[in-house]
Amino acid sequence: MANNHHGDKTGHGTHSGGAAGTMPATGQGNGGHGSHHIVPFETYIKVFATLIFLTFITVAASRIDFGAFNAIVAFGIATVKALFVALIFMHLKYDDRMNRIIIVSAFFFLLVLWFFSILDEMTRVVQHSTL
């Protein structure tokens, strides 16, 4: 297991960025949050290998014709990859609830914008050019 800056071998130590593990007088350190979760290096390697594997799956899926489901398959694989990146590399898995709410609400509004864009495209009347 990774050894943090305090000699704690559990991987759950707190390093606040100050000298000898103390909080700096400015109150900055790790952004004012509580403890900082240290992700083991092995986890990063496993997630990286998973992302590479999913990239190969994406390439393989692009060579198969799923008909009307081509985009759904591609977006599904991309969503799984994005979840791995957000949860592990961006540390959302170990972050506080407020940051999760902010990320989820951002994705919600992205889906709303996509929905209205698709609705706009589907309800347009085709006009043929006279030129």
C-alpha atoms as a PDB file:
ATOM      1  CA  MET A   1       0.000   0.000   0.000  1.00  0.00           C
ATOM      2  CA  ALA A   2       1.201   3.545  -0.672  1.00  0.00           C
ATOM      3  CA  ASN A   3       3.048   5.321   2.090  1.00  0.00           C
ATOM      4  CA  ASN A   4       1.740   8.829   2.697  1.00  0.00           C
ATOM      5  CA  HIS A   5       3.629  11.767   4.151  1.00  0.00           C
ATOM      6  CA  HIS A   6       2.933  10.805   7.789  1.00  0.00           C
ATOM      7  CA  GLY A   7       4.263   7.265   7.714  1.00  0.00           C
ATOM      8  CA  ASP A   8       0.721   5.846   7.805  1.00  0.00           C
ATOM      9  CA  LYS A   9       0.598   2.661   5.699  1.00  0.00           C
ATOM     10  CA  THR A  10      -3.200   2.518   5.588  1.00  0.00           C
ATOM     11  CA  GLY A  11      -3.466   4.878   2.626  1.00  0.00           C
ATOM     12  CA  HIS A  12      -5.919   7.062   4.564  1.00  0.00           C
ATOM     13  CA  GLY A  13      -3.528   9.675   5.906  1.00  0.00           C
ATOM     14  CA  THR A  14      -4.079  13.383   5.726  1.00  0.00           C
ATOM     15  CA  HIS A  15      -1.519  15.647   4.164  1.00  0.00           C
ATOM     16  CA  SER A  16      -2.564  19.255   4.325  1.00  0.00           C
ATOM     17  CA  GLY A  17       0.322  20.718   2.359  1.00  0.00           C
ATOM     18  CA  GLY A  18       1.965  22.455   5.329  1.00  0.00           C
ATOM     19  CA  ALA A  19       5.331  21.817   6.906  1.00  0.00           C
ATOM     20  CA  ALA A  20       5.506  18.570   8.869  1.00  0.00           C
ATOM     21  CA  GLY A  21       1.823  17.895   8.161  1.00  0.00           C
ATOM     22  CA  THR A  22       0.470  21.067   9.757  1.00  0.00           C
ATOM     23  CA  MET A  23      -2.160  23.282   8.181  1.00  0.00           C
ATOM     24  CA  PRO A  24      -0.656  26.470   6.746  1.00  0.00           C
ATOM     25  CA  ALA A  25      -1.689  29.754   8.347  1.00  0.00           C
ATOM     26  CA  THR A  26      -3.417  30.845   5.134  1.00  0.00           C
ATOM     27  CA  GLY A  27      -5.904  28.001   5.433  1.00  0.00           C
ATOM     28  CA  GLN A  28      -5.193  26.797   1.894  1.00  0.00           C
ATOM     29  CA  GLY A  29      -3.401  23.445   1.928  1.00  0.00           C
ATOM     30  CA  ASN A  30      -5.781  20.951   0.303  1.00  0.00           C
ATOM     31  CA  GLY A  31      -8.479  23.464  -0.506  1.00  0.00           C
ATOM     32  CA  GLY A  32      -9.929  23.675   2.991  1.00  0.00           C
ATOM     33  CA  HIS A  33     -11.430  20.198   2.823  1.00  0.00           C
ATOM     34  CA  GLY A  34     -11.015  17.560   5.487  1.00  0.00           C
ATOM     35  CA  SER A  35      -8.807  14.588   4.837  1.00  0.00           C
ATOM     36  CA  HIS A  36      -7.309  13.818   1.441  1.00  0.00           C
ATOM     37  CA  HIS A  37      -7.811  10.285   0.165  1.00  0.00           C
ATOM     38  CA  ILE A  38      -4.713   8.670  -1.303  1.00  0.00           C
ATOM     39  CA  VAL A  39      -5.578   6.285  -4.118  1.00  0.00           C
ATOM     40  CA  PRO A  40      -3.178   3.334  -4.395  1.00  0.00           C
ATOM     41  CA  PHE A  41      -1.022   3.306  -7.523  1.00  0.00           C
ATOM     42  CA  GLU A  42      -2.358  -0.165  -8.380  1.00  0.00           C
ATOM     43  CA  THR A  43      -5.845   1.335  -8.734  1.00  0.00           C
ATOM     44  CA  TYR A  44      -4.574   3.832 -11.283  1.00  0.00           C
ATOM     45  CA  ILE A  45      -2.915   1.042 -13.252  1.00  0.00           C
ATOM     46  CA  LYS A  46      -6.098  -1.053 -13.225  1.00  0.00           C
ATOM     47  CA  VAL A  47      -8.247   1.892 -14.344  1.00  0.00           C
ATOM     48  CA  PHE A  48      -5.726   2.760 -17.067  1.00  0.00           C
ATOM     49  CA  ALA A  49      -5.796  -0.837 -18.317  1.00  0.00           C
ATOM     50  CA  THR A  50      -9.596  -0.774 -18.271  1.00  0.00           C
ATOM     51  CA  LEU A  51      -9.637   2.455 -20.279  1.00  0.00           C
ATOM     52  CA  ILE A  52      -7.245   0.980 -22.857  1.00  0.00           C
ATOM     53  CA  PHE A  53      -9.411  -2.153 -23.070  1.00  0.00           C
ATOM     54  CA  LEU A  54     -12.534  -0.023 -23.565  1.00  0.00           C
ATOM     55  CA  THR A  55     -10.716   1.907 -26.295  1.00  0.00           C
ATOM     56  CA  PHE A  56     -10.131  -1.381 -28.132  1.00  0.00           C
ATOM     57  CA  ILE A  57     -13.806  -2.215 -27.611  1.00  0.00           C
ATOM     58  CA  THR A  58     -14.715   1.183 -29.094  1.00  0.00           C
ATOM     59  CA  VAL A  59     -12.597   0.519 -32.181  1.00  0.00           C
ATOM     60  CA  ALA A  60     -14.063  -2.977 -32.559  1.00  0.00           C
ATOM     61  CA  ALA A  61     -17.607  -1.655 -32.132  1.00  0.00           C
ATOM     62  CA  SER A  62     -17.004   0.987 -34.797  1.00  0.00           C
ATOM     63  CA  ARG A  63     -16.369  -1.778 -37.332  1.00  0.00           C
ATOM     64  CA  ILE A  64     -19.677  -3.493 -36.569  1.00  0.00           C
ATOM     65  CA  ASP A  65     -22.918  -2.130 -37.975  1.00  0.00           C
ATOM     66  CA  PHE A  66     -25.482  -1.922 -35.188  1.00  0.00           C
ATOM     67  CA  GLY A  67     -27.915  -0.095 -37.427  1.00  0.00           C
ATOM     68  CA  ALA A  68     -29.867   2.532 -35.542  1.00  0.00           C
ATOM     69  CA  PHE A  69     -27.973   1.640 -32.348  1.00  0.00           C
ATOM     70  CA  ASN A  70     -24.501   2.733 -33.565  1.00  0.00           C
ATOM     71  CA  ALA A  71     -24.602   5.997 -31.644  1.00  0.00           C
ATOM     72  CA  ILE A  72     -26.102   4.372 -28.556  1.00  0.00           C
ATOM     73  CA  VAL A  73     -23.308   1.781 -28.405  1.00  0.00           C
ATOM     74  CA  ALA A  74     -20.623   4.432 -28.923  1.00  0.00           C
ATOM     75  CA  PHE A  75     -22.106   6.767 -26.304  1.00  0.00           C
ATOM     76  CA  GLY A  76     -22.529   3.866 -23.885  1.00  0.00           C
ATOM     77  CA  ILE A  77     -18.863   2.906 -24.088  1.00  0.00           C
ATOM     78  CA  ALA A  78     -17.827   6.559 -23.851  1.00  0.00           C
ATOM     79  CA  THR A  79     -20.028   7.023 -20.778  1.00  0.00           C
ATOM     80  CA  VAL A  80     -18.395   4.100 -18.988  1.00  0.00           C
ATOM     81  CA  LYS A  81     -14.954   5.522 -19.797  1.00  0.00           C
ATOM     82  CA  ALA A  82     -15.992   8.981 -18.590  1.00  0.00           C
ATOM     83  CA  LEU A  83     -17.288   7.501 -15.332  1.00  0.00           C
ATOM     84  CA  PHE A  84     -13.932   5.813 -14.673  1.00  0.00           C
ATOM     85  CA  VAL A  85     -12.082   9.075 -15.326  1.00  0.00           C
ATOM     86  CA  ALA A  86     -14.445  11.161 -13.180  1.00  0.00           C
ATOM     87  CA  LEU A  87     -14.651   8.726 -10.269  1.00  0.00           C
ATOM     88  CA  ILE A  88     -11.009   7.677 -10.018  1.00  0.00           C
ATOM     89  CA  PHE A  89      -8.767  10.243 -11.711  1.00  0.00           C
ATOM     90  CA  MET A  90     -10.865  13.250 -10.662  1.00  0.00           C
ATOM     91  CA  HIS A  91     -11.396  11.679  -7.190  1.00  0.00           C
ATOM     92  CA  LEU A  92     -15.168  12.164  -7.241  1.00  0.00           C
ATOM     93  CA  LYS A  93     -15.551   8.736  -5.659  1.00  0.00           C
ATOM     94  CA  TYR A  94     -13.869  10.075  -2.532  1.00  0.00           C
ATOM     95  CA  ASP A  95     -15.067  13.685  -2.716  1.00  0.00           C
ATOM     96  CA  ASP A  96     -17.808  15.340  -0.702  1.00  0.00           C
ATOM     97  CA  ARG A  97     -21.453  15.258  -1.703  1.00  0.00           C
ATOM     98  CA  MET A  98     -21.643  18.859  -2.961  1.00  0.00           C
ATOM     99  CA  ASN A  99     -19.135  18.248  -5.761  1.00  0.00           C
ATOM    100  CA  ARG A 100     -21.073  15.157  -6.835  1.00  0.00           C
ATOM    101  CA  ILE A 101     -24.286  17.205  -6.958  1.00  0.00           C
ATOM    102  CA  ILE A 102     -22.584  19.874  -9.073  1.00  0.00           C
ATOM    103  CA  ILE A 103     -21.226  17.315 -11.574  1.00  0.00           C
ATOM    104  CA  VAL A 104     -24.546  15.461 -11.807  1.00  0.00           C
ATOM    105  CA  SER A 105     -26.468  18.707 -12.330  1.00  0.00           C
ATOM    106  CA  ALA A 106     -24.037  19.742 -15.084  1.00  0.00           C
ATOM    107  CA  PHE A 107     -24.636  16.441 -16.885  1.00  0.00           C
ATOM    108  CA  PHE A 108     -28.378  16.825 -16.365  1.00  0.00           C
ATOM    109  CA  PHE A 109     -28.388  20.207 -18.089  1.00  0.00           C
ATOM    110  CA  LEU A 110     -26.211  18.794 -20.858  1.00  0.00           C
ATOM    111  CA  LEU A 111     -28.843  16.103 -21.430  1.00  0.00           C
ATOM    112  CA  VAL A 112     -31.582  18.747 -21.440  1.00  0.00           C
ATOM    113  CA  LEU A 113     -29.705  20.727 -24.105  1.00  0.00           C
ATOM    114  CA  TRP A 114     -29.171  17.570 -26.183  1.00  0.00           C
ATOM    115  CA  PHE A 115     -32.848  16.699 -25.839  1.00  0.00           C
ATOM    116  CA  PHE A 116     -33.989  20.074 -27.132  1.00  0.00           C
ATOM    117  CA  SER A 117     -31.439  19.970 -29.963  1.00  0.00           C
ATOM    118  CA  ILE A 118     -32.670  16.552 -31.072  1.00  0.00           C
ATOM    119  CA  LEU A 119     -36.280  17.700 -30.711  1.00  0.00           C
ATOM    120  CA  ASP A 120     -35.496  20.717 -32.901  1.00  0.00           C
ATOM    121  CA  GLU A 121     -33.881  18.544 -35.570  1.00  0.00           C
ATOM    122  CA  MET A 122     -36.739  16.034 -35.584  1.00  0.00           C
ATOM    123  CA  THR A 123     -39.495  18.650 -35.919  1.00  0.00           C
ATOM    124  CA  ARG A 124     -37.988  20.676 -38.767  1.00  0.00           C
ATOM    125  CA  VAL A 125     -39.784  20.728 -42.077  1.00  0.00           C
ATOM    126  CA  VAL A 126     -37.549  19.742 -44.981  1.00  0.00           C
ATOM    127  CA  GLN A 127     -37.375  22.467 -47.583  1.00  0.00           C
ATOM    128  CA  HIS A 128     -35.865  21.754 -50.973  1.00  0.00           C
ATOM    129  CA  SER A 129     -33.752  24.439 -52.524  1.00  0.00           C
ATOM    130  CA  THR A 130     -34.943  26.017 -55.744  1.00  0.00           C
ATOM    131  CA  LEU A 131     -31.415  26.854 -56.847  1.00  0.00           C
END
